[in-house]
Amino acid sequence: MTGRVRFDLEPLAPFVFEVGGEAFSYSTCYVFAEIADRSAGTDDTVFKARDGRFFHVVITADEGDNADGLGVHHGWYTANQIDAERAVKLRESWAVLRPQPAAPGGSFA
């Protein structure tokens, strides 16, 4: 598990997170599950990498950072690899609160 990692992004710059020295982004992973509390500036996401690994990433925005609606530019994150069973449980529990992302091509398998 990573400790808190600070990030400061330029507008439209991609968000990249690291786990075990390896970098991942929205372009290298699929969003498997997500839930957010925009008023609190928090976003919980489970990413699935193309090789099948799952990562739980929690992003916390600096106060007032998401005012433009274009995402978080300044804040911190934690990221850790989780097993498939935990990823599915998070997706199922978050689905009670909001619809979850559709799988690319119709299947996460």
PDB file of N, CA and C in Angstrom:
ATOM      1  N   MET A   1       0.851  -1.178   0.000  1.00  0.00           N
ATOM      2  CA  MET A   1       0.000   0.000   0.000  1.00  0.00           C
ATOM      3  C   MET A   1       0.892   1.236   0.000  1.00  0.00           C
ATOM      4  N   THR A   2       0.503   2.200  -0.806  1.00  0.00           N
ATOM      5  CA  THR A   2       1.261   3.442  -0.792  1.00  0.00           C
ATOM      6  C   THR A   2       0.786   4.306   0.357  1.00  0.00           C
ATOM      7  N   GLY A   3       1.691   5.098   0.862  1.00  0.00           N
ATOM      8  CA  GLY A   3       1.279   6.128   1.804  1.00  0.00           C
ATOM      9  C   GLY A   3       0.621   7.247   1.006  1.00  0.00           C
ATOM     10  N   ARG A   4       0.338   8.329   1.665  1.00  0.00           N
ATOM     11  CA  ARG A   4      -0.264   9.464   0.965  1.00  0.00           C
ATOM     12  C   ARG A   4       0.744  10.038  -0.024  1.00  0.00           C
ATOM     13  N   VAL A   5       0.300  10.174  -1.267  1.00  0.00           N
ATOM     14  CA  VAL A   5       1.150  10.722  -2.320  1.00  0.00           C
ATOM     15  C   VAL A   5       0.523  12.025  -2.805  1.00  0.00           C
ATOM     16  N   ARG A   6       1.273  13.086  -2.732  1.00  0.00           N
ATOM     17  CA  ARG A   6       0.813  14.404  -3.169  1.00  0.00           C
ATOM     18  C   ARG A   6       0.853  14.490  -4.694  1.00  0.00           C
ATOM     19  N   PHE A   7      -0.141  15.150  -5.301  1.00  0.00           N
ATOM     20  CA  PHE A   7      -0.080  15.424  -6.732  1.00  0.00           C
ATOM     21  C   PHE A   7      -0.593  16.830  -7.019  1.00  0.00           C
ATOM     22  N   ASP A   8      -0.017  17.440  -8.030  1.00  0.00           N
ATOM     23  CA  ASP A   8      -0.409  18.759  -8.525  1.00  0.00           C
ATOM     24  C   ASP A   8      -0.358  18.685 -10.044  1.00  0.00           C
ATOM     25  N   LEU A   9      -1.525  18.656 -10.670  1.00  0.00           N
ATOM     26  CA  LEU A   9      -1.620  18.482 -12.118  1.00  0.00           C
ATOM     27  C   LEU A   9      -1.981  19.788 -12.811  1.00  0.00           C
ATOM     28  N   GLU A  10      -1.426  19.967 -13.988  1.00  0.00           N
ATOM     29  CA  GLU A  10      -1.858  21.060 -14.856  1.00  0.00           C
ATOM     30  C   GLU A  10      -3.227  20.676 -15.420  1.00  0.00           C
ATOM     31  N   PRO A  11      -4.059  21.652 -15.797  1.00  0.00           N
ATOM     32  CA  PRO A  11      -5.352  21.317 -16.410  1.00  0.00           C
ATOM     33  C   PRO A  11      -5.160  20.378 -17.605  1.00  0.00           C
ATOM     34  N   LEU A  12      -6.007  19.373 -17.680  1.00  0.00           N
ATOM     35  CA  LEU A  12      -6.029  18.351 -18.730  1.00  0.00           C
ATOM     36  C   LEU A  12      -4.856  17.374 -18.679  1.00  0.00           C
ATOM     37  N   ALA A  13      -3.975  17.484 -17.706  1.00  0.00           N
ATOM     38  CA  ALA A  13      -2.894  16.504 -17.550  1.00  0.00           C
ATOM     39  C   ALA A  13      -3.484  15.213 -16.985  1.00  0.00           C
ATOM     40  N   PRO A  14      -2.989  14.055 -17.424  1.00  0.00           N
ATOM     41  CA  PRO A  14      -3.538  12.790 -16.931  1.00  0.00           C
ATOM     42  C   PRO A  14      -3.135  12.508 -15.484  1.00  0.00           C
ATOM     43  N   PHE A  15      -4.063  11.931 -14.731  1.00  0.00           N
ATOM     44  CA  PHE A  15      -3.766  11.478 -13.376  1.00  0.00           C
ATOM     45  C   PHE A  15      -3.045  10.139 -13.476  1.00  0.00           C
ATOM     46  N   VAL A  16      -1.928  10.013 -12.796  1.00  0.00           N
ATOM     47  CA  VAL A  16      -1.138   8.784 -12.775  1.00  0.00           C
ATOM     48  C   VAL A  16      -0.927   8.394 -11.323  1.00  0.00           C
ATOM     49  N   PHE A  17      -1.147   7.098 -11.018  1.00  0.00           N
ATOM     50  CA  PHE A  17      -0.865   6.606  -9.674  1.00  0.00           C
ATOM     51  C   PHE A  17       0.174   5.503  -9.767  1.00  0.00           C
ATOM     52  N   GLU A  18       0.911   5.315  -8.685  1.00  0.00           N
ATOM     53  CA  GLU A  18       1.959   4.297  -8.653  1.00  0.00           C
ATOM     54  C   GLU A  18       1.685   3.276  -7.566  1.00  0.00           C
ATOM     55  N   VAL A  19       1.965   2.022  -7.906  1.00  0.00           N
ATOM     56  CA  VAL A  19       1.903   0.920  -6.947  1.00  0.00           C
ATOM     57  C   VAL A  19       3.150   0.077  -7.182  1.00  0.00           C
ATOM     58  N   GLY A  20       3.944  -0.096  -6.149  1.00  0.00           N
ATOM     59  CA  GLY A  20       5.157  -0.892  -6.271  1.00  0.00           C
ATOM     60  C   GLY A  20       6.127  -0.365  -7.316  1.00  0.00           C
ATOM     61  N   GLY A  21       6.182   0.953  -7.483  1.00  0.00           N
ATOM     62  CA  GLY A  21       7.091   1.553  -8.447  1.00  0.00           C
ATOM     63  C   GLY A  21       6.609   1.510  -9.885  1.00  0.00           C
ATOM     64  N   GLU A  22       5.418   0.969 -10.124  1.00  0.00           N
ATOM     65  CA  GLU A  22       4.849   0.881 -11.466  1.00  0.00           C
ATOM     66  C   GLU A  22       3.747   1.928 -11.613  1.00  0.00           C
ATOM     67  N   ALA A  23       3.746   2.647 -12.731  1.00  0.00           N
ATOM     68  CA  ALA A  23       2.771   3.718 -12.959  1.00  0.00           C
ATOM     69  C   ALA A  23       1.557   3.206 -13.728  1.00  0.00           C
ATOM     70  N   PHE A  24       0.380   3.706 -13.334  1.00  0.00           N
ATOM     71  CA  PHE A  24      -0.887   3.358 -13.978  1.00  0.00           C
ATOM     72  C   PHE A  24      -1.697   4.631 -14.182  1.00  0.00           C
ATOM     73  N   SER A  25      -2.613   4.594 -15.145  1.00  0.00           N
ATOM     74  CA  SER A  25      -3.475   5.746 -15.406  1.00  0.00           C
ATOM     75  C   SER A  25      -4.804   5.261 -15.976  1.00  0.00           C
ATOM     76  N   TYR A  26      -5.698   6.211 -16.228  1.00  0.00           N
ATOM     77  CA  TYR A  26      -6.981   5.864 -16.832  1.00  0.00           C
ATOM     78  C   TYR A  26      -6.788   5.264 -18.221  1.00  0.00           C
ATOM     79  N   SER A  27      -5.685   5.565 -18.891  1.00  0.00           N
ATOM     80  CA  SER A  27      -5.450   5.013 -20.224  1.00  0.00           C
ATOM     81  C   SER A  27      -4.852   3.609 -20.184  1.00  0.00           C
ATOM     82  N   THR A  28      -4.343   3.182 -19.035  1.00  0.00           N
ATOM     83  CA  THR A  28      -3.753   1.842 -18.934  1.00  0.00           C
ATOM     84  C   THR A  28      -4.609   0.883 -18.118  1.00  0.00           C
ATOM     85  N   CYS A  29      -5.720   1.384 -17.582  1.00  0.00           N
ATOM     86  CA  CYS A  29      -6.615   0.579 -16.745  1.00  0.00           C
ATOM     87  C   CYS A  29      -8.065   0.878 -17.106  1.00  0.00           C
ATOM     88  N   TYR A  30      -8.946   0.003 -16.664  1.00  0.00           N
ATOM     89  CA  TYR A  30     -10.382   0.237 -16.766  1.00  0.00           C
ATOM     90  C   TYR A  30     -10.905   0.605 -15.386  1.00  0.00           C
ATOM     91  N   VAL A  31     -11.911   1.458 -15.336  1.00  0.00           N
ATOM     92  CA  VAL A  31     -12.580   1.733 -14.069  1.00  0.00           C
ATOM     93  C   VAL A  31     -13.542   0.581 -13.825  1.00  0.00           C
ATOM     94  N   PHE A  32     -13.249  -0.226 -12.819  1.00  0.00           N
ATOM     95  CA  PHE A  32     -14.058  -1.392 -12.481  1.00  0.00           C
ATOM     96  C   PHE A  32     -15.195  -1.013 -11.547  1.00  0.00           C
ATOM     97  N   ALA A  33     -14.923  -0.111 -10.620  1.00  0.00           N
ATOM     98  CA  ALA A  33     -15.931   0.338  -9.651  1.00  0.00           C
ATOM     99  C   ALA A  33     -15.542   1.726  -9.176  1.00  0.00           C
ATOM    100  N   GLU A  34     -16.555   2.524  -8.844  1.00  0.00           N
ATOM    101  CA  GLU A  34     -16.239   3.860  -8.339  1.00  0.00           C
ATOM    102  C   GLU A  34     -17.390   4.406  -7.518  1.00  0.00           C
ATOM    103  N   ILE A  35     -17.008   5.253  -6.594  1.00  0.00           N
ATOM    104  CA  ILE A  35     -17.976   6.003  -5.800  1.00  0.00           C
ATOM    105  C   ILE A  35     -17.267   7.261  -5.330  1.00  0.00           C
ATOM    106  N   ALA A  36     -18.013   8.330  -5.219  1.00  0.00           N
ATOM    107  CA  ALA A  36     -17.391   9.597  -4.836  1.00  0.00           C
ATOM    108  C   ALA A  36     -18.331  10.400  -3.960  1.00  0.00           C
ATOM    109  N   ASP A  37     -17.735  11.267  -3.188  1.00  0.00           N
ATOM    110  CA  ASP A  37     -18.474  12.276  -2.436  1.00  0.00           C
ATOM    111  C   ASP A  37     -17.853  13.606  -2.843  1.00  0.00           C
ATOM    112  N   ARG A  38     -18.395  14.188  -3.901  1.00  0.00           N
ATOM    113  CA  ARG A  38     -17.822  15.418  -4.459  1.00  0.00           C
ATOM    114  C   ARG A  38     -17.802  16.556  -3.447  1.00  0.00           C
ATOM    115  N   SER A  39     -18.838  16.636  -2.599  1.00  0.00           N
ATOM    116  CA  SER A  39     -18.866  17.720  -1.614  1.00  0.00           C
ATOM    117  C   SER A  39     -17.728  17.591  -0.603  1.00  0.00           C
ATOM    118  N   ALA A  40     -17.286  16.363  -0.354  1.00  0.00           N
ATOM    119  CA  ALA A  40     -16.170  16.133   0.564  1.00  0.00           C
ATOM    120  C   ALA A  40     -14.831  16.088  -0.168  1.00  0.00           C
ATOM    121  N   GLY A  41     -14.878  16.076  -1.513  1.00  0.00           N
ATOM    122  CA  GLY A  41     -13.647  16.043  -2.297  1.00  0.00           C
ATOM    123  C   GLY A  41     -12.959  14.697  -2.312  1.00  0.00           C
ATOM    124  N   THR A  42     -13.733  13.607  -2.153  1.00  0.00           N
ATOM    125  CA  THR A  42     -13.134  12.272  -2.160  1.00  0.00           C
ATOM    126  C   THR A  42     -13.675  11.439  -3.313  1.00  0.00           C
ATOM    127  N   ASP A  43     -12.828  10.574  -3.817  1.00  0.00           N
ATOM    128  CA  ASP A  43     -13.186   9.689  -4.919  1.00  0.00           C
ATOM    129  C   ASP A  43     -12.514   8.347  -4.664  1.00  0.00           C
ATOM    130  N   ASP A  44     -13.321   7.294  -4.549  1.00  0.00           N
ATOM    131  CA  ASP A  44     -12.821   5.927  -4.402  1.00  0.00           C
ATOM    132  C   ASP A  44     -12.992   5.230  -5.734  1.00  0.00           C
ATOM    133  N   THR A  45     -11.929   4.643  -6.260  1.00  0.00           N
ATOM    134  CA  THR A  45     -11.999   3.951  -7.543  1.00  0.00           C
ATOM    135  C   THR A  45     -11.259   2.625  -7.446  1.00  0.00           C
ATOM    136  N   VAL A  46     -11.853   1.591  -8.042  1.00  0.00           N
ATOM    137  CA  VAL A  46     -11.151   0.325  -8.239  1.00  0.00           C
ATOM    138  C   VAL A  46     -10.839   0.248  -9.724  1.00  0.00           C
ATOM    139  N   PHE A  47      -9.553   0.192 -10.039  1.00  0.00           N
ATOM    140  CA  PHE A  47      -9.104   0.057 -11.418  1.00  0.00           C
ATOM    141  C   PHE A  47      -8.759  -1.404 -11.685  1.00  0.00           C
ATOM    142  N   LYS A  48      -9.007  -1.839 -12.931  1.00  0.00           N
ATOM    143  CA  LYS A  48      -8.547  -3.157 -13.360  1.00  0.00           C
ATOM    144  C   LYS A  48      -7.539  -2.935 -14.481  1.00  0.00           C
ATOM    145  N   ALA A  49      -6.314  -3.383 -14.253  1.00  0.00           N
ATOM    146  CA  ALA A  49      -5.270  -3.259 -15.265  1.00  0.00           C
ATOM    147  C   ALA A  49      -5.514  -4.284 -16.366  1.00  0.00           C
ATOM    148  N   ARG A  50      -4.921  -4.050 -17.491  1.00  0.00           N
ATOM    149  CA  ARG A  50      -5.111  -4.961 -18.633  1.00  0.00           C
ATOM    150  C   ARG A  50      -4.591  -6.367 -18.354  1.00  0.00           C
ATOM    151  N   ASP A  51      -3.663  -6.484 -17.403  1.00  0.00           N
ATOM    152  CA  ASP A  51      -3.143  -7.812 -17.058  1.00  0.00           C
ATOM    153  C   ASP A  51      -3.980  -8.508 -15.988  1.00  0.00           C
ATOM    154  N   GLY A  52      -5.103  -7.882 -15.577  1.00  0.00           N
ATOM    155  CA  GLY A  52      -6.020  -8.510 -14.629  1.00  0.00           C
ATOM    156  C   GLY A  52      -5.853  -8.095 -13.183  1.00  0.00           C
ATOM    157  N   ARG A  53      -4.814  -7.337 -12.853  1.00  0.00           N
ATOM    158  CA  ARG A  53      -4.633  -6.880 -11.476  1.00  0.00           C
ATOM    159  C   ARG A  53      -5.629  -5.773 -11.145  1.00  0.00           C
ATOM    160  N   PHE A  54      -6.022  -5.715  -9.858  1.00  0.00           N
ATOM    161  CA  PHE A  54      -6.946  -4.699  -9.374  1.00  0.00           C
ATOM    162  C   PHE A  54      -6.225  -3.762  -8.414  1.00  0.00           C
ATOM    163  N   PHE A  55      -6.596  -2.467  -8.470  1.00  0.00           N
ATOM    164  CA  PHE A  55      -6.013  -1.454  -7.602  1.00  0.00           C
ATOM    165  C   PHE A  55      -7.116  -0.590  -7.012  1.00  0.00           C
ATOM    166  N   HIS A  56      -7.062  -0.383  -5.712  1.00  0.00           N
ATOM    167  CA  HIS A  56      -8.006   0.506  -5.028  1.00  0.00           C
ATOM    168  C   HIS A  56      -7.284   1.825  -4.803  1.00  0.00           C
ATOM    169  N   VAL A  57      -7.839   2.892  -5.377  1.00  0.00           N
ATOM    170  CA  VAL A  57      -7.230   4.217  -5.301  1.00  0.00           C
ATOM    171  C   VAL A  57      -8.223   5.171  -4.647  1.00  0.00           C
ATOM    172  N   VAL A  58      -7.772   5.874  -3.628  1.00  0.00           N
ATOM    173  CA  VAL A  58      -8.585   6.893  -2.963  1.00  0.00           C
ATOM    174  C   VAL A  58      -7.924   8.241  -3.225  1.00  0.00           C
ATOM    175  N   ILE A  59      -8.682   9.141  -3.853  1.00  0.00           N
ATOM    176  CA  ILE A  59      -8.195  10.486  -4.154  1.00  0.00           C
ATOM    177  C   ILE A  59      -8.915  11.469  -3.249  1.00  0.00           C
ATOM    178  N   THR A  60      -8.162  12.351  -2.638  1.00  0.00           N
ATOM    179  CA  THR A  60      -8.734  13.424  -1.827  1.00  0.00           C
ATOM    180  C   THR A  60      -8.244  14.747  -2.391  1.00  0.00           C
ATOM    181  N   ALA A  61      -9.193  15.580  -2.812  1.00  0.00           N
ATOM    182  CA  ALA A  61      -8.862  16.871  -3.414  1.00  0.00           C
ATOM    183  C   ALA A  61      -8.539  17.900  -2.348  1.00  0.00           C
ATOM    184  N   ASP A  62      -7.679  18.840  -2.715  1.00  0.00           N
ATOM    185  CA  ASP A  62      -7.485  20.005  -1.859  1.00  0.00           C
ATOM    186  C   ASP A  62      -8.814  20.744  -1.768  1.00  0.00           C
ATOM    187  N   GLU A  63      -9.037  21.416  -0.671  1.00  0.00           N
ATOM    188  CA  GLU A  63     -10.291  22.137  -0.464  1.00  0.00           C
ATOM    189  C   GLU A  63     -10.566  23.097  -1.628  1.00  0.00           C
ATOM    190  N   GLY A  64     -11.769  22.974  -2.218  1.00  0.00           N
ATOM    191  CA  GLY A  64     -12.186  23.855  -3.305  1.00  0.00           C
ATOM    192  C   GLY A  64     -11.587  23.551  -4.660  1.00  0.00           C
ATOM    193  N   ASP A  65     -10.858  22.442  -4.811  1.00  0.00           N
ATOM    194  CA  ASP A  65     -10.158  22.165  -6.069  1.00  0.00           C
ATOM    195  C   ASP A  65     -11.071  21.741  -7.205  1.00  0.00           C
ATOM    196  N   ASN A  66     -12.206  21.112  -6.929  1.00  0.00           N
ATOM    197  CA  ASN A  66     -13.044  20.558  -7.994  1.00  0.00           C
ATOM    198  C   ASN A  66     -14.124  21.536  -8.451  1.00  0.00           C
ATOM    199  N   ALA A  67     -13.929  22.819  -8.223  1.00  0.00           N
ATOM    200  CA  ALA A  67     -14.960  23.817  -8.520  1.00  0.00           C
ATOM    201  C   ALA A  67     -15.272  23.928 -10.005  1.00  0.00           C
ATOM    202  N   ASP A  68     -14.300  23.637 -10.889  1.00  0.00           N
ATOM    203  CA  ASP A  68     -14.550  23.791 -12.320  1.00  0.00           C
ATOM    204  C   ASP A  68     -15.205  22.569 -12.946  1.00  0.00           C
ATOM    205  N   GLY A  69     -15.366  21.488 -12.191  1.00  0.00           N
ATOM    206  CA  GLY A  69     -15.996  20.278 -12.715  1.00  0.00           C
ATOM    207  C   GLY A  69     -15.119  19.482 -13.658  1.00  0.00           C
ATOM    208  N   LEU A  70     -13.863  19.846 -13.808  1.00  0.00           N
ATOM    209  CA  LEU A  70     -12.964  19.147 -14.726  1.00  0.00           C
ATOM    210  C   LEU A  70     -12.085  18.125 -14.024  1.00  0.00           C
ATOM    211  N   GLY A  71     -12.426  17.770 -12.826  1.00  0.00           N
ATOM    212  CA  GLY A  71     -11.644  16.792 -12.098  1.00  0.00           C
ATOM    213  C   GLY A  71     -10.728  17.433 -11.080  1.00  0.00           C
ATOM    214  N   VAL A  72     -10.020  16.585 -10.395  1.00  0.00           N
ATOM    215  CA  VAL A  72      -9.137  17.034  -9.319  1.00  0.00           C
ATOM    216  C   VAL A  72      -7.753  17.322  -9.897  1.00  0.00           C
ATOM    217  N   HIS A  73      -7.235  18.494  -9.610  1.00  0.00           N
ATOM    218  CA  HIS A  73      -5.898  18.872 -10.076  1.00  0.00           C
ATOM    219  C   HIS A  73      -4.868  18.869  -8.953  1.00  0.00           C
ATOM    220  N   HIS A  74      -5.341  19.077  -7.722  1.00  0.00           N
ATOM    221  CA  HIS A  74      -4.426  19.184  -6.584  1.00  0.00           C
ATOM    222  C   HIS A  74      -4.992  18.387  -5.414  1.00  0.00           C
ATOM    223  N   GLY A  75      -4.164  17.547  -4.838  1.00  0.00           N
ATOM    224  CA  GLY A  75      -4.599  16.756  -3.696  1.00  0.00           C
ATOM    225  C   GLY A  75      -3.601  15.658  -3.401  1.00  0.00           C
ATOM    226  N   TRP A  76      -4.111  14.548  -2.902  1.00  0.00           N
ATOM    227  CA  TRP A  76      -3.259  13.411  -2.597  1.00  0.00           C
ATOM    228  C   TRP A  76      -4.045  12.131  -2.844  1.00  0.00           C
ATOM    229  N   TYR A  77      -3.326  11.025  -2.963  1.00  0.00           N
ATOM    230  CA  TYR A  77      -3.975   9.733  -3.158  1.00  0.00           C
ATOM    231  C   TYR A  77      -3.253   8.658  -2.365  1.00  0.00           C
ATOM    232  N   THR A  78      -3.973   7.575  -2.139  1.00  0.00           N
ATOM    233  CA  THR A  78      -3.383   6.325  -1.672  1.00  0.00           C
ATOM    234  C   THR A  78      -3.785   5.263  -2.683  1.00  0.00           C
ATOM    235  N   ALA A  79      -2.934   4.276  -2.891  1.00  0.00           N
ATOM    236  CA  ALA A  79      -3.232   3.217  -3.860  1.00  0.00           C
ATOM    237  C   ALA A  79      -2.655   1.907  -3.368  1.00  0.00           C
ATOM    238  N   ASN A  80      -3.412   0.843  -3.545  1.00  0.00           N
ATOM    239  CA  ASN A  80      -2.895  -0.476  -3.212  1.00  0.00           C
ATOM    240  C   ASN A  80      -3.527  -1.526  -4.106  1.00  0.00           C
ATOM    241  N   GLN A  81      -2.767  -2.591  -4.321  1.00  0.00           N
ATOM    242  CA  GLN A  81      -3.281  -3.705  -5.105  1.00  0.00           C
ATOM    243  C   GLN A  81      -4.190  -4.537  -4.218  1.00  0.00           C
ATOM    244  N   ILE A  82      -5.331  -4.964  -4.777  1.00  0.00           N
ATOM    245  CA  ILE A  82      -6.275  -5.807  -4.045  1.00  0.00           C
ATOM    246  C   ILE A  82      -6.586  -7.030  -4.894  1.00  0.00           C
ATOM    247  N   ASP A  83      -7.125  -8.069  -4.263  1.00  0.00           N
ATOM    248  CA  ASP A  83      -7.464  -9.260  -5.032  1.00  0.00           C
ATOM    249  C   ASP A  83      -8.835  -9.097  -5.697  1.00  0.00           C
ATOM    250  N   ALA A  84      -9.132  -9.990  -6.629  1.00  0.00           N
ATOM    251  CA  ALA A  84     -10.379  -9.915  -7.395  1.00  0.00           C
ATOM    252  C   ALA A  84     -11.603 -10.018  -6.499  1.00  0.00           C
ATOM    253  N   GLU A  85     -11.540 -10.852  -5.477  1.00  0.00           N
ATOM    254  CA  GLU A  85     -12.683 -11.004  -4.571  1.00  0.00           C
ATOM    255  C   GLU A  85     -13.011  -9.679  -3.885  1.00  0.00           C
ATOM    256  N   ARG A  86     -12.003  -8.985  -3.402  1.00  0.00           N
ATOM    257  CA  ARG A  86     -12.216  -7.684  -2.749  1.00  0.00           C
ATOM    258  C   ARG A  86     -12.751  -6.662  -3.751  1.00  0.00           C
ATOM    259  N   ALA A  87     -12.228  -6.673  -4.969  1.00  0.00           N
ATOM    260  CA  ALA A  87     -12.694  -5.743  -6.006  1.00  0.00           C
ATOM    261  C   ALA A  87     -14.176  -5.951  -6.303  1.00  0.00           C
ATOM    262  N   VAL A  88     -14.587  -7.205  -6.414  1.00  0.00           N
ATOM    263  CA  VAL A  88     -15.995  -7.514  -6.688  1.00  0.00           C
ATOM    264  C   VAL A  88     -16.873  -7.081  -5.517  1.00  0.00           C
ATOM    265  N   LYS A  89     -16.420  -7.317  -4.295  1.00  0.00           N
ATOM    266  CA  LYS A  89     -17.207  -6.901  -3.117  1.00  0.00           C
ATOM    267  C   LYS A  89     -17.381  -5.386  -3.072  1.00  0.00           C
ATOM    268  N   LEU A  90     -16.330  -4.641  -3.378  1.00  0.00           N
ATOM    269  CA  LEU A  90     -16.450  -3.181  -3.412  1.00  0.00           C
ATOM    270  C   LEU A  90     -17.439  -2.755  -4.492  1.00  0.00           C
ATOM    271  N   ARG A  91     -17.329  -3.345  -5.680  1.00  0.00           N
ATOM    272  CA  ARG A  91     -18.244  -3.011  -6.779  1.00  0.00           C
ATOM    273  C   ARG A  91     -19.690  -3.290  -6.384  1.00  0.00           C
ATOM    274  N   GLU A  92     -19.939  -4.449  -5.803  1.00  0.00           N
ATOM    275  CA  GLU A  92     -21.304  -4.812  -5.403  1.00  0.00           C
ATOM    276  C   GLU A  92     -21.840  -3.883  -4.316  1.00  0.00           C
ATOM    277  N   SER A  93     -21.011  -3.540  -3.348  1.00  0.00           N
ATOM    278  CA  SER A  93     -21.496  -2.668  -2.271  1.00  0.00           C
ATOM    279  C   SER A  93     -21.736  -1.250  -2.781  1.00  0.00           C
ATOM    280  N   TRP A  94     -20.885  -0.754  -3.660  1.00  0.00           N
ATOM    281  CA  TRP A  94     -21.081   0.588  -4.205  1.00  0.00           C
ATOM    282  C   TRP A  94     -22.260   0.634  -5.167  1.00  0.00           C
ATOM    283  N   ALA A  95     -22.578  -0.500  -5.810  1.00  0.00           N
ATOM    284  CA  ALA A  95     -23.707  -0.554  -6.746  1.00  0.00           C
ATOM    285  C   ALA A  95     -25.039  -0.323  -6.041  1.00  0.00           C
ATOM    286  N   VAL A  96     -25.089  -0.554  -4.737  1.00  0.00           N
ATOM    287  CA  VAL A  96     -26.302  -0.276  -3.961  1.00  0.00           C
ATOM    288  C   VAL A  96     -26.559   1.233  -3.938  1.00  0.00           C
ATOM    289  N   LEU A  97     -25.491   2.025  -3.999  1.00  0.00           N
ATOM    290  CA  LEU A  97     -25.596   3.476  -3.889  1.00  0.00           C
ATOM    291  C   LEU A  97     -25.651   4.205  -5.230  1.00  0.00           C
ATOM    292  N   ARG A  98     -25.021   3.628  -6.248  1.00  0.00           N
ATOM    293  CA  ARG A  98     -25.028   4.266  -7.567  1.00  0.00           C
ATOM    294  C   ARG A  98     -24.666   3.242  -8.638  1.00  0.00           C
ATOM    295  N   PRO A  99     -25.124   3.442  -9.879  1.00  0.00           N
ATOM    296  CA  PRO A  99     -24.755   2.511 -10.951  1.00  0.00           C
ATOM    297  C   PRO A  99     -23.233   2.470 -11.126  1.00  0.00           C
ATOM    298  N   GLN A 100     -22.743   1.306 -11.465  1.00  0.00           N
ATOM    299  CA  GLN A 100     -21.307   1.132 -11.665  1.00  0.00           C
ATOM    300  C   GLN A 100     -20.962   1.144 -13.154  1.00  0.00           C
ATOM    301  N   PRO A 101     -19.701   1.416 -13.484  1.00  0.00           N
ATOM    302  CA  PRO A 101     -19.303   1.518 -14.889  1.00  0.00           C
ATOM    303  C   PRO A 101     -19.553   0.217 -15.647  1.00  0.00           C
ATOM    304  N   ALA A 102     -19.913   0.368 -16.905  1.00  0.00           N
ATOM    305  CA  ALA A 102     -20.064  -0.798 -17.773  1.00  0.00           C
ATOM    306  C   ALA A 102     -18.678  -1.311 -18.151  1.00  0.00           C
ATOM    307  N   ALA A 103     -18.596  -2.604 -18.369  1.00  0.00           N
ATOM    308  CA  ALA A 103     -17.329  -3.215 -18.752  1.00  0.00           C
ATOM    309  C   ALA A 103     -17.016  -2.902 -20.212  1.00  0.00           C
ATOM    310  N   PRO A 104     -15.755  -2.609 -20.519  1.00  0.00           N
ATOM    311  CA  PRO A 104     -15.383  -2.407 -21.924  1.00  0.00           C
ATOM    312  C   PRO A 104     -15.643  -3.685 -22.708  1.00  0.00           C
ATOM    313  N   GLY A 105     -16.308  -3.596 -23.805  1.00  0.00           N
ATOM    314  CA  GLY A 105     -16.611  -4.782 -24.594  1.00  0.00           C
ATOM    315  C   GLY A 105     -17.639  -5.684 -23.956  1.00  0.00           C
ATOM    316  N   GLY A 106     -18.257  -5.246 -22.858  1.00  0.00           N
ATOM    317  CA  GLY A 106     -19.327  -6.006 -22.229  1.00  0.00           C
ATOM    318  C   GLY A 106     -18.896  -6.991 -21.164  1.00  0.00           C
ATOM    319  N   SER A 107     -17.575  -7.145 -20.945  1.00  0.00           N
ATOM    320  CA  SER A 107     -17.127  -8.116 -19.944  1.00  0.00           C
ATOM    321  C   SER A 107     -15.821  -7.664 -19.301  1.00  0.00           C
ATOM    322  N   PHE A 108     -15.742  -7.834 -17.982  1.00  0.00           N
ATOM    323  CA  PHE A 108     -14.497  -7.548 -17.273  1.00  0.00           C
ATOM    324  C   PHE A 108     -13.597  -8.778 -17.211  1.00  0.00           C
ATOM    325  N   ALA A 109     -14.038  -9.890 -17.749  1.00  0.00           N
ATOM    326  CA  ALA A 109     -13.264 -11.137 -17.675  1.00  0.00           C
ATOM    327  C   ALA A 109     -11.971 -11.048 -18.440  1.00  0.00           C
TER     328      ALA A 109
END
